[in-house]
C-alpha cells in the first residue's frame, strides 16, 4: 500500500493534508494552464471544425462555445459535477495520490 493510501480514512479523504482535489496549493482557481491529452485525430478534427464553424454563426452565438478551450472547460466542469453528484454525495472528490505525494514532499 502506498504511503498516501495509508492515510485515507473510510470516506476517502486525507484528513491530515488535503480534503479535496482543489485544496492542493498548486491549484489556482482563476488560473488557466496548458494541459496535454491524447485524443484520436478524427475526434479532434471534428470537434475543432464544429467549434470553429458554429462559433461564427451569430444566430446561435448564445448556444455554442467561443473556442475549443471554453468548450473543453465546460465539458470538464459538467462531467466533474455529474460524477461528484452520482458517486460522491455531490462533494468534490479527495485529491489524487499524486497530489498528496507532491504536497507531502519535503522542501529543501
PDB file of N, CA and C in Angstrom:
ATOM      1  N   UNK A   1       0.852  -1.176   0.000  1.00  0.00           N
ATOM      2  CA  UNK A   1       0.000   0.000   0.000  1.00  0.00           C
ATOM      3  C   UNK A   1       0.896   1.237   0.000  1.00  0.00           C
ATOM      4  N   UNK A   2       0.616   2.193  -0.859  1.00  0.00           N
ATOM      5  CA  UNK A   2       1.392   3.425  -0.927  1.00  0.00           C
ATOM      6  C   UNK A   2       1.168   4.240   0.341  1.00  0.00           C
ATOM      7  N   UNK A   3       2.159   5.037   0.686  1.00  0.00           N
ATOM      8  CA  UNK A   3       2.061   5.850   1.905  1.00  0.00           C
ATOM      9  C   UNK A   3       0.832   6.748   1.865  1.00  0.00           C
ATOM     10  N   UNK A   4       0.531   7.324   0.703  1.00  0.00           N
ATOM     11  CA  UNK A   4      -0.633   8.203   0.628  1.00  0.00           C
ATOM     12  C   UNK A   4      -1.927   7.429   0.832  1.00  0.00           C
ATOM     13  N   UNK A   5      -1.970   6.168   0.393  1.00  0.00           N
ATOM     14  CA  UNK A   5      -3.167   5.367   0.570  1.00  0.00           C
ATOM     15  C   UNK A   5      -3.361   4.973   2.026  1.00  0.00           C
ATOM     16  N   UNK A   6      -2.284   4.882   2.793  1.00  0.00           N
ATOM     17  CA  UNK A   6      -2.385   4.510   4.201  1.00  0.00           C
ATOM     18  C   UNK A   6      -3.113   5.577   5.009  1.00  0.00           C
ATOM     19  N   UNK A   7      -3.106   6.823   4.528  1.00  0.00           N
ATOM     20  CA  UNK A   7      -3.736   7.916   5.256  1.00  0.00           C
ATOM     21  C   UNK A   7      -5.186   8.159   4.854  1.00  0.00           C
ATOM     22  N   UNK A   8      -5.708   7.348   3.980  1.00  0.00           N
ATOM     23  CA  UNK A   8      -7.085   7.529   3.551  1.00  0.00           C
ATOM     24  C   UNK A   8      -8.011   6.970   4.621  1.00  0.00           C
ATOM     25  N   UNK A   9      -8.932   7.800   5.065  1.00  0.00           N
ATOM     26  CA  UNK A   9      -9.918   7.346   6.032  1.00  0.00           C
ATOM     27  C   UNK A   9     -11.080   6.715   5.268  1.00  0.00           C
ATOM     28  N   UNK A  10     -11.985   6.016   5.957  1.00  0.00           N
ATOM     29  CA  UNK A  10     -13.033   5.276   5.248  1.00  0.00           C
ATOM     30  C   UNK A  10     -13.821   6.080   4.214  1.00  0.00           C
ATOM     31  N   UNK A  11     -14.048   7.358   4.437  1.00  0.00           N
ATOM     32  CA  UNK A  11     -14.816   8.118   3.451  1.00  0.00           C
ATOM     33  C   UNK A  11     -13.959   8.608   2.287  1.00  0.00           C
ATOM     34  N   UNK A  12     -12.684   8.213   2.241  1.00  0.00           N
ATOM     35  CA  UNK A  12     -11.832   8.534   1.110  1.00  0.00           C
ATOM     36  C   UNK A  12     -11.103   9.855   1.200  1.00  0.00           C
ATOM     37  N   UNK A  13     -11.051  10.475   2.388  1.00  0.00           N
ATOM     38  CA  UNK A  13     -10.373  11.764   2.498  1.00  0.00           C
ATOM     39  C   UNK A  13      -8.990  11.599   3.104  1.00  0.00           C
ATOM     40  N   UNK A  14      -8.200  12.635   3.002  1.00  0.00           N
ATOM     41  CA  UNK A  14      -6.854  12.691   3.565  1.00  0.00           C
ATOM     42  C   UNK A  14      -6.879  13.769   4.649  1.00  0.00           C
ATOM     43  N   UNK A  15      -7.302  13.436   5.867  1.00  0.00           N
ATOM     44  CA  UNK A  15      -7.580  14.466   6.870  1.00  0.00           C
ATOM     45  C   UNK A  15      -6.380  15.303   7.281  1.00  0.00           C
ATOM     46  N   UNK A  16      -5.184  14.739   7.199  1.00  0.00           N
ATOM     47  CA  UNK A  16      -4.021  15.482   7.661  1.00  0.00           C
ATOM     48  C   UNK A  16      -3.400  16.347   6.570  1.00  0.00           C
ATOM     49  N   UNK A  17      -3.929  16.323   5.364  1.00  0.00           N
ATOM     50  CA  UNK A  17      -3.283  17.044   4.277  1.00  0.00           C
ATOM     51  C   UNK A  17      -4.285  17.882   3.492  1.00  0.00           C
ATOM     52  N   UNK A  18      -5.049  17.226   2.647  1.00  0.00           N
ATOM     53  CA  UNK A  18      -5.987  17.896   1.760  1.00  0.00           C
ATOM     54  C   UNK A  18      -7.354  17.222   1.875  1.00  0.00           C
ATOM     55  N   UNK A  19      -8.395  17.989   1.866  1.00  0.00           N
ATOM     56  CA  UNK A  19      -9.734  17.405   1.902  1.00  0.00           C
ATOM     57  C   UNK A  19     -10.253  17.101   0.493  1.00  0.00           C
ATOM     58  N   UNK A  20      -9.993  17.996  -0.451  1.00  0.00           N
ATOM     59  CA  UNK A  20     -10.468  17.789  -1.823  1.00  0.00           C
ATOM     60  C   UNK A  20      -9.334  18.060  -2.799  1.00  0.00           C
ATOM     61  N   UNK A  21      -9.545  17.649  -4.035  1.00  0.00           N
ATOM     62  CA  UNK A  21      -8.536  17.853  -5.077  1.00  0.00           C
ATOM     63  C   UNK A  21      -8.233  19.333  -5.301  1.00  0.00           C
ATOM     64  N   UNK A  22      -9.199  20.201  -5.069  1.00  0.00           N
ATOM     65  CA  UNK A  22      -8.966  21.627  -5.293  1.00  0.00           C
ATOM     66  C   UNK A  22      -8.303  22.319  -4.099  1.00  0.00           C
ATOM     67  N   UNK A  23      -8.068  21.593  -3.004  1.00  0.00           N
ATOM     68  CA  UNK A  23      -7.345  22.151  -1.857  1.00  0.00           C
ATOM     69  C   UNK A  23      -5.837  22.136  -2.066  1.00  0.00           C
ATOM     70  N   UNK A  24      -5.382  21.484  -3.103  1.00  0.00           N
ATOM     71  CA  UNK A  24      -3.959  21.425  -3.431  1.00  0.00           C
ATOM     72  C   UNK A  24      -3.437  22.847  -3.624  1.00  0.00           C
ATOM     73  N   UNK A  25      -2.362  23.236  -2.932  1.00  0.00           N
ATOM     74  CA  UNK A  25      -1.826  24.593  -3.075  1.00  0.00           C
ATOM     75  C   UNK A  25      -1.382  24.928  -4.498  1.00  0.00           C
ATOM     76  N   UNK A  26      -1.129  23.911  -5.318  1.00  0.00           N
ATOM     77  CA  UNK A  26      -0.731  24.157  -6.699  1.00  0.00           C
ATOM     78  C   UNK A  26      -1.919  24.548  -7.578  1.00  0.00           C
ATOM     79  N   UNK A  27      -3.137  24.348  -7.073  1.00  0.00           N
ATOM     80  CA  UNK A  27      -4.338  24.665  -7.843  1.00  0.00           C
ATOM     81  C   UNK A  27      -4.736  26.107  -7.570  1.00  0.00           C
ATOM     82  N   UNK A  28      -4.747  26.908  -8.604  1.00  0.00           N
ATOM     83  CA  UNK A  28      -5.180  28.304  -8.517  1.00  0.00           C
ATOM     84  C   UNK A  28      -6.485  28.416  -9.301  1.00  0.00           C
ATOM     85  N   UNK A  29      -7.613  28.604  -8.615  1.00  0.00           N
ATOM     86  CA  UNK A  29      -8.927  28.539  -9.261  1.00  0.00           C
ATOM     87  C   UNK A  29      -9.104  29.440 -10.491  1.00  0.00           C
ATOM     88  N   UNK A  30      -8.459  30.587 -10.510  1.00  0.00           N
ATOM     89  CA  UNK A  30      -8.650  31.516 -11.623  1.00  0.00           C
ATOM     90  C   UNK A  30      -7.542  31.445 -12.672  1.00  0.00           C
ATOM     91  N   UNK A  31      -6.605  30.522 -12.502  1.00  0.00           N
ATOM     92  CA  UNK A  31      -5.506  30.398 -13.459  1.00  0.00           C
ATOM     93  C   UNK A  31      -5.867  29.367 -14.522  1.00  0.00           C
ATOM     94  N   UNK A  32      -5.576  29.715 -15.762  1.00  0.00           N
ATOM     95  CA  UNK A  32      -5.713  28.759 -16.859  1.00  0.00           C
ATOM     96  C   UNK A  32      -4.322  28.261 -17.199  1.00  0.00           C
ATOM     97  N   UNK A  33      -4.180  26.961 -17.323  1.00  0.00           N
ATOM     98  CA  UNK A  33      -2.881  26.389 -17.632  1.00  0.00           C
ATOM     99  C   UNK A  33      -2.949  25.474 -18.836  1.00  0.00           C
ATOM    100  N   UNK A  34      -1.802  25.256 -19.421  1.00  0.00           N
ATOM    101  CA  UNK A  34      -1.702  24.347 -20.557  1.00  0.00           C
ATOM    102  C   UNK A  34      -1.903  22.925 -20.070  1.00  0.00           C
ATOM    103  N   UNK A  35      -2.713  22.162 -20.778  1.00  0.00           N
ATOM    104  CA  UNK A  35      -2.945  20.758 -20.458  1.00  0.00           C
ATOM    105  C   UNK A  35      -2.667  19.935 -21.707  1.00  0.00           C
ATOM    106  N   UNK A  36      -2.297  18.712 -21.521  1.00  0.00           N
ATOM    107  CA  UNK A  36      -1.985  17.850 -22.653  1.00  0.00           C
ATOM    108  C   UNK A  36      -2.744  16.543 -22.516  1.00  0.00           C
ATOM    109  N   UNK A  37      -3.477  16.166 -23.554  1.00  0.00           N
ATOM    110  CA  UNK A  37      -4.246  14.930 -23.576  1.00  0.00           C
ATOM    111  C   UNK A  37      -4.044  14.241 -24.906  1.00  0.00           C
ATOM    112  N   UNK A  38      -4.232  12.951 -24.904  1.00  0.00           N
ATOM    113  CA  UNK A  38      -4.229  12.193 -26.144  1.00  0.00           C
ATOM    114  C   UNK A  38      -5.675  11.987 -26.566  1.00  0.00           C
ATOM    115  N   UNK A  39      -5.978  12.398 -27.775  1.00  0.00           N
ATOM    116  CA  UNK A  39      -7.313  12.280 -28.333  1.00  0.00           C
ATOM    117  C   UNK A  39      -7.149  11.822 -29.778  1.00  0.00           C
ATOM    118  N   UNK A  40      -8.055  10.977 -30.241  1.00  0.00           N
ATOM    119  CA  UNK A  40      -7.929  10.498 -31.621  1.00  0.00           C
ATOM    120  C   UNK A  40      -8.001  11.665 -32.597  1.00  0.00           C
ATOM    121  N   UNK A  41      -7.278  11.535 -33.696  1.00  0.00           N
ATOM    122  CA  UNK A  41      -7.247  12.589 -34.715  1.00  0.00           C
ATOM    123  C   UNK A  41      -8.635  12.915 -35.247  1.00  0.00           C
ATOM    124  N   UNK A  42      -9.440  11.876 -35.495  1.00  0.00           N
ATOM    125  CA  UNK A  42     -10.762  12.104 -36.067  1.00  0.00           C
ATOM    126  C   UNK A  42     -11.665  12.883 -35.111  1.00  0.00           C
ATOM    127  N   UNK A  43     -11.655  12.507 -33.850  1.00  0.00           N
ATOM    128  CA  UNK A  43     -12.474  13.227 -32.863  1.00  0.00           C
ATOM    129  C   UNK A  43     -11.997  14.673 -32.743  1.00  0.00           C
ATOM    130  N   UNK A  44     -10.694  14.861 -32.683  1.00  0.00           N
ATOM    131  CA  UNK A  44     -10.140  16.213 -32.585  1.00  0.00           C
ATOM    132  C   UNK A  44     -10.534  17.054 -33.801  1.00  0.00           C
ATOM    133  N   UNK A  45     -10.395  16.502 -34.996  1.00  0.00           N
ATOM    134  CA  UNK A  45     -10.719  17.251 -36.214  1.00  0.00           C
ATOM    135  C   UNK A  45     -12.192  17.639 -36.247  1.00  0.00           C
ATOM    136  N   UNK A  46     -13.067  16.699 -35.888  1.00  0.00           N
ATOM    137  CA  UNK A  46     -14.494  17.002 -35.864  1.00  0.00           C
ATOM    138  C   UNK A  46     -14.828  18.072 -34.838  1.00  0.00           C
ATOM    139  N   UNK A  47     -14.238  17.957 -33.651  1.00  0.00           N
ATOM    140  CA  UNK A  47     -14.500  18.914 -32.581  1.00  0.00           C
ATOM    141  C   UNK A  47     -14.011  20.310 -32.975  1.00  0.00           C
ATOM    142  N   UNK A  48     -12.792  20.373 -33.480  1.00  0.00           N
ATOM    143  CA  UNK A  48     -12.217  21.668 -33.892  1.00  0.00           C
ATOM    144  C   UNK A  48     -13.089  22.311 -34.952  1.00  0.00           C
ATOM    145  N   UNK A  49     -13.497  21.554 -35.961  1.00  0.00           N
ATOM    146  CA  UNK A  49     -14.324  22.105 -37.027  1.00  0.00           C
ATOM    147  C   UNK A  49     -15.691  22.545 -36.507  1.00  0.00           C
ATOM    148  N   UNK A  50     -16.297  21.716 -35.656  1.00  0.00           N
ATOM    149  CA  UNK A  50     -17.614  22.061 -35.119  1.00  0.00           C
ATOM    150  C   UNK A  50     -17.566  23.350 -34.316  1.00  0.00           C
ATOM    151  N   UNK A  51     -16.572  23.485 -33.456  1.00  0.00           N
ATOM    152  CA  UNK A  51     -16.455  24.712 -32.662  1.00  0.00           C
ATOM    153  C   UNK A  51     -16.132  25.900 -33.562  1.00  0.00           C
ATOM    154  N   UNK A  52     -15.223  25.718 -34.480  1.00  0.00           N
ATOM    155  CA  UNK A  52     -14.842  26.813 -35.396  1.00  0.00           C
ATOM    156  C   UNK A  52     -16.057  27.343 -36.154  1.00  0.00           C
ATOM    157  N   UNK A  53     -16.787  26.462 -36.811  1.00  0.00           N
ATOM    158  CA  UNK A  53     -17.874  26.921 -37.675  1.00  0.00           C
ATOM    159  C   UNK A  53     -19.098  27.380 -36.892  1.00  0.00           C
ATOM    160  N   UNK A  54     -19.425  26.740 -35.794  1.00  0.00           N
ATOM    161  CA  UNK A  54     -20.604  27.193 -35.042  1.00  0.00           C
ATOM    162  C   UNK A  54     -20.344  28.513 -34.328  1.00  0.00           C
ATOM    163  N   UNK A  55     -19.105  28.743 -33.914  1.00  0.00           N
ATOM    164  CA  UNK A  55     -18.803  29.991 -33.200  1.00  0.00           C
ATOM    165  C   UNK A  55     -18.874  31.214 -34.114  1.00  0.00           C
ATOM    166  N   UNK A  56     -18.952  31.000 -35.402  1.00  0.00           N
ATOM    167  CA  UNK A  56     -19.019  32.099 -36.362  1.00  0.00           C
ATOM    168  C   UNK A  56     -20.442  32.373 -36.858  1.00  0.00           C
ATOM    169  N   UNK A  57     -21.402  31.719 -36.264  1.00  0.00           N
ATOM    170  CA  UNK A  57     -22.795  31.910 -36.675  1.00  0.00           C
ATOM    171  C   UNK A  57     -23.518  32.760 -35.629  1.00  0.00           C
ATOM    172  N   UNK A  58     -23.751  34.033 -35.939  1.00  0.00           N
ATOM    173  CA  UNK A  58     -24.359  34.941 -34.963  1.00  0.00           C
ATOM    174  C   UNK A  58     -25.718  34.475 -34.444  1.00  0.00           C
ATOM    175  N   UNK A  59     -26.487  33.783 -35.265  1.00  0.00           N
ATOM    176  CA  UNK A  59     -27.832  33.381 -34.850  1.00  0.00           C
ATOM    177  C   UNK A  59     -27.832  32.294 -33.775  1.00  0.00           C
ATOM    178  N   UNK A  60     -26.682  31.641 -33.548  1.00  0.00           N
ATOM    179  CA  UNK A  60     -26.612  30.615 -32.489  1.00  0.00           C
ATOM    180  C   UNK A  60     -25.520  30.936 -31.462  1.00  0.00           C
ATOM    181  N   UNK A  61     -25.027  32.160 -31.483  1.00  0.00           N
ATOM    182  CA  UNK A  61     -23.907  32.552 -30.614  1.00  0.00           C
ATOM    183  C   UNK A  61     -24.181  32.279 -29.136  1.00  0.00           C
ATOM    184  N   UNK A  62     -25.413  32.386 -28.708  1.00  0.00           N
ATOM    185  CA  UNK A  62     -25.731  32.167 -27.291  1.00  0.00           C
ATOM    186  C   UNK A  62     -25.852  30.687 -26.937  1.00  0.00           C
ATOM    187  N   UNK A  63     -25.716  29.793 -27.910  1.00  0.00           N
ATOM    188  CA  UNK A  63     -25.862  28.358 -27.670  1.00  0.00           C
ATOM    189  C   UNK A  63     -24.588  27.557 -27.932  1.00  0.00           C
ATOM    190  N   UNK A  64     -23.527  28.215 -28.380  1.00  0.00           N
ATOM    191  CA  UNK A  64     -22.288  27.499 -28.707  1.00  0.00           C
ATOM    192  C   UNK A  64     -21.105  28.147 -28.008  1.00  0.00           C
ATOM    193  N   UNK A  65     -19.984  27.444 -28.012  1.00  0.00           N
ATOM    194  CA  UNK A  65     -18.772  27.933 -27.344  1.00  0.00           C
ATOM    195  C   UNK A  65     -17.968  28.849 -28.255  1.00  0.00           C
ATOM    196  N   UNK A  66     -17.279  29.804 -27.633  1.00  0.00           N
ATOM    197  CA  UNK A  66     -16.456  30.740 -28.394  1.00  0.00           C
ATOM    198  C   UNK A  66     -15.224  30.072 -29.002  1.00  0.00           C
ATOM    199  N   UNK A  67     -14.688  29.081 -28.294  1.00  0.00           N
ATOM    200  CA  UNK A  67     -13.477  28.411 -28.776  1.00  0.00           C
ATOM    201  C   UNK A  67     -13.355  27.043 -28.112  1.00  0.00           C
ATOM    202  N   UNK A  68     -12.362  26.277 -28.530  1.00  0.00           N
ATOM    203  CA  UNK A  68     -12.193  24.921 -28.019  1.00  0.00           C
ATOM    204  C   UNK A  68     -11.890  24.899 -26.531  1.00  0.00           C
ATOM    205  N   UNK A  69     -11.098  25.819 -26.041  1.00  0.00           N
ATOM    206  CA  UNK A  69     -10.767  25.841 -24.617  1.00  0.00           C
ATOM    207  C   UNK A  69     -12.013  26.019 -23.764  1.00  0.00           C
ATOM    208  N   UNK A  70     -12.878  26.919 -24.167  1.00  0.00           N
ATOM    209  CA  UNK A  70     -14.125  27.149 -23.429  1.00  0.00           C
ATOM    210  C   UNK A  70     -14.993  25.896 -23.469  1.00  0.00           C
ATOM    211  N   UNK A  71     -15.074  25.251 -24.618  1.00  0.00           N
ATOM    212  CA  UNK A  71     -15.882  24.036 -24.754  1.00  0.00           C
ATOM    213  C   UNK A  71     -15.347  22.909 -23.886  1.00  0.00           C
ATOM    214  N   UNK A  72     -14.034  22.699 -23.890  1.00  0.00           N
ATOM    215  CA  UNK A  72     -13.431  21.630 -23.097  1.00  0.00           C
ATOM    216  C   UNK A  72     -13.596  21.923 -21.604  1.00  0.00           C
ATOM    217  N   UNK A  73     -13.383  23.165 -21.198  1.00  0.00           N
ATOM    218  CA  UNK A  73     -13.541  23.510 -19.783  1.00  0.00           C
ATOM    219  C   UNK A  73     -14.981  23.276 -19.314  1.00  0.00           C
ATOM    220  N   UNK A  74     -15.942  23.667 -20.127  1.00  0.00           N
ATOM    221  CA  UNK A  74     -17.341  23.445 -19.737  1.00  0.00           C
ATOM    222  C   UNK A  74     -17.644  21.951 -19.649  1.00  0.00           C
ATOM    223  N   UNK A  75     -17.153  21.170 -20.606  1.00  0.00           N
ATOM    224  CA  UNK A  75     -17.361  19.716 -20.565  1.00  0.00           C
ATOM    225  C   UNK A  75     -16.752  19.135 -19.296  1.00  0.00           C
ATOM    226  N   UNK A  76     -15.544  19.546 -18.950  1.00  0.00           N
ATOM    227  CA  UNK A  76     -14.872  19.019 -17.767  1.00  0.00           C
ATOM    228  C   UNK A  76     -15.619  19.421 -16.495  1.00  0.00           C
ATOM    229  N   UNK A  77     -16.066  20.669 -16.414  1.00  0.00           N
ATOM    230  CA  UNK A  77     -16.812  21.145 -15.245  1.00  0.00           C
ATOM    231  C   UNK A  77     -18.115  20.353 -15.088  1.00  0.00           C
ATOM    232  N   UNK A  78     -18.851  20.197 -16.185  1.00  0.00           N
ATOM    233  CA  UNK A  78     -20.124  19.478 -16.126  1.00  0.00           C
ATOM    234  C   UNK A  78     -19.916  17.994 -15.803  1.00  0.00           C
ATOM    235  N   UNK A  79     -18.885  17.399 -16.366  1.00  0.00           N
ATOM    236  CA  UNK A  79     -18.612  15.981 -16.098  1.00  0.00           C
ATOM    237  C   UNK A  79     -18.202  15.782 -14.647  1.00  0.00           C
ATOM    238  N   UNK A  80     -17.329  16.647 -14.135  1.00  0.00           N
ATOM    239  CA  UNK A  80     -16.921  16.540 -12.731  1.00  0.00           C
ATOM    240  C   UNK A  80     -18.134  16.681 -11.813  1.00  0.00           C
ATOM    241  N   UNK A  81     -18.990  17.648 -12.090  1.00  0.00           N
ATOM    242  CA  UNK A  81     -20.178  17.859 -11.259  1.00  0.00           C
ATOM    243  C   UNK A  81     -21.105  16.640 -11.306  1.00  0.00           C
ATOM    244  N   UNK A  82     -21.278  16.055 -12.479  1.00  0.00           N
ATOM    245  CA  UNK A  82     -22.135  14.869 -12.605  1.00  0.00           C
ATOM    246  C   UNK A  82     -21.554  13.697 -11.829  1.00  0.00           C
ATOM    247  N   UNK A  83     -20.242  13.459 -11.963  1.00  0.00           N
ATOM    248  CA  UNK A  83     -19.606  12.349 -11.255  1.00  0.00           C
ATOM    249  C   UNK A  83     -19.639  12.570  -9.744  1.00  0.00           C
ATOM    250  N   UNK A  84     -19.399  13.822  -9.311  1.00  0.00           N
ATOM    251  CA  UNK A  84     -19.481  14.131  -7.878  1.00  0.00           C
ATOM    252  C   UNK A  84     -20.891  13.887  -7.360  1.00  0.00           C
ATOM    253  N   UNK A  85     -21.880  14.299  -8.132  1.00  0.00           N
ATOM    254  CA  UNK A  85     -23.273  14.118  -7.732  1.00  0.00           C
ATOM    255  C   UNK A  85     -23.655  12.639  -7.664  1.00  0.00           C
ATOM    256  N   UNK A  86     -23.268  11.893  -8.664  1.00  0.00           N
ATOM    257  CA  UNK A  86     -23.658  10.478  -8.736  1.00  0.00           C
ATOM    258  C   UNK A  86     -22.868   9.573  -7.796  1.00  0.00           C
ATOM    259  N   UNK A  87     -21.594   9.896  -7.563  1.00  0.00           N
ATOM    260  CA  UNK A  87     -20.733   8.944  -6.872  1.00  0.00           C
ATOM    261  C   UNK A  87     -20.035   9.470  -5.617  1.00  0.00           C
ATOM    262  N   UNK A  88     -20.292  10.740  -5.237  1.00  0.00           N
ATOM    263  CA  UNK A  88     -19.600  11.276  -4.062  1.00  0.00           C
ATOM    264  C   UNK A  88     -20.492  12.250  -3.284  1.00  0.00           C
ATOM    265  N   UNK A  89     -21.784  11.964  -3.232  1.00  0.00           N
ATOM    266  CA  UNK A  89     -22.743  12.785  -2.477  1.00  0.00           C
ATOM    267  C   UNK A  89     -22.696  14.261  -2.849  1.00  0.00           C
ATOM    268  N   UNK A  90     -22.358  14.569  -4.084  1.00  0.00           N
ATOM    269  CA  UNK A  90     -22.330  15.947  -4.549  1.00  0.00           C
ATOM    270  C   UNK A  90     -21.130  16.751  -4.098  1.00  0.00           C
ATOM    271  N   UNK A  91     -20.171  16.103  -3.455  1.00  0.00           N
ATOM    272  CA  UNK A  91     -18.973  16.792  -2.952  1.00  0.00           C
ATOM    273  C   UNK A  91     -17.801  16.587  -3.897  1.00  0.00           C
ATOM    274  N   UNK A  92     -16.840  17.515  -3.846  1.00  0.00           N
ATOM    275  CA  UNK A  92     -15.605  17.328  -4.608  1.00  0.00           C
ATOM    276  C   UNK A  92     -14.937  16.041  -4.134  1.00  0.00           C
ATOM    277  N   UNK A  93     -14.282  15.345  -5.049  1.00  0.00           N
ATOM    278  CA  UNK A  93     -13.550  14.138  -4.674  1.00  0.00           C
ATOM    279  C   UNK A  93     -12.276  14.514  -3.924  1.00  0.00           C
ATOM    280  N   UNK A  94     -11.737  13.575  -3.149  1.00  0.00           N
ATOM    281  CA  UNK A  94     -10.449  13.835  -2.481  1.00  0.00           C
ATOM    282  C   UNK A  94      -9.331  13.953  -3.511  1.00  0.00           C
ATOM    283  N   UNK A  95      -8.197  14.437  -3.083  1.00  0.00           N
ATOM    284  CA  UNK A  95      -7.070  14.590  -4.004  1.00  0.00           C
ATOM    285  C   UNK A  95      -6.578  13.235  -4.503  1.00  0.00           C
ATOM    286  N   UNK A  96      -5.929  13.269  -5.640  1.00  0.00           N
ATOM    287  CA  UNK A  96      -5.328  12.051  -6.168  1.00  0.00           C
ATOM    288  C   UNK A  96      -4.067  11.733  -5.364  1.00  0.00           C
ATOM    289  N   UNK A  97      -3.634  10.478  -5.357  1.00  0.00           N
ATOM    290  CA  UNK A  97      -2.386  10.147  -4.655  1.00  0.00           C
ATOM    291  C   UNK A  97      -1.207  10.996  -5.125  1.00  0.00           C
ATOM    292  N   UNK A  98      -1.167  11.330  -6.414  1.00  0.00           N
ATOM    293  CA  UNK A  98      -0.073  12.171  -6.927  1.00  0.00           C
ATOM    294  C   UNK A  98      -0.097  13.556  -6.277  1.00  0.00           C
ATOM    295  N   UNK A  99      -1.280  14.131  -6.093  1.00  0.00           N
ATOM    296  CA  UNK A  99      -1.376  15.426  -5.427  1.00  0.00           C
ATOM    297  C   UNK A  99      -0.865  15.333  -3.997  1.00  0.00           C
ATOM    298  N   UNK A 100      -1.243  14.279  -3.299  1.00  0.00           N
ATOM    299  CA  UNK A 100      -0.832  14.116  -1.908  1.00  0.00           C
ATOM    300  C   UNK A 100       0.690  13.965  -1.817  1.00  0.00           C
ATOM    301  N   UNK A 101       1.268  13.165  -2.683  1.00  0.00           N
ATOM    302  CA  UNK A 101       2.735  12.994  -2.672  1.00  0.00           C
ATOM    303  C   UNK A 101       3.435  14.322  -2.905  1.00  0.00           C
ATOM    304  N   UNK A 102       2.925  15.123  -3.848  1.00  0.00           N
ATOM    305  CA  UNK A 102       3.558  16.400  -4.163  1.00  0.00           C
ATOM    306  C   UNK A 102       3.479  17.351  -2.965  1.00  0.00           C
ATOM    307  N   UNK A 103       2.339  17.381  -2.280  1.00  0.00           N
ATOM    308  CA  UNK A 103       2.168  18.272  -1.137  1.00  0.00           C
ATOM    309  C   UNK A 103       3.037  17.831   0.022  1.00  0.00           C
ATOM    310  N   UNK A 104       3.181  16.521   0.206  1.00  0.00           N
ATOM    311  CA  UNK A 104       3.967  15.992   1.331  1.00  0.00           C
ATOM    312  C   UNK A 104       5.464  16.065   1.105  1.00  0.00           C
ATOM    313  N   UNK A 105       5.891  16.194  -0.137  1.00  0.00           N
ATOM    314  CA  UNK A 105       7.325  16.161  -0.453  1.00  0.00           C
ATOM    315  C   UNK A 105       8.054  17.246   0.342  1.00  0.00           C
ATOM    316  N   UNK A 106       9.063  16.861   1.093  1.00  0.00           N
ATOM    317  CA  UNK A 106       9.788  17.852   1.893  1.00  0.00           C
ATOM    318  C   UNK A 106      10.510  18.865   0.999  1.00  0.00           C
ATOM    319  N   UNK A 107      10.486  20.069   1.417  1.00  0.00           N
ATOM    320  CA  UNK A 107      11.182  21.130   0.676  1.00  0.00           C
ATOM    321  C   UNK A 107      12.614  21.222   1.173  1.00  0.00           C
ATOM    322  N   UNK A 108      13.523  21.539   0.283  1.00  0.00           N
ATOM    323  CA  UNK A 108      14.872  21.735   0.777  1.00  0.00           C
ATOM    324  C   UNK A 108      15.859  21.169  -0.054  1.00  0.00           C
TER     325      UNK A 108
END
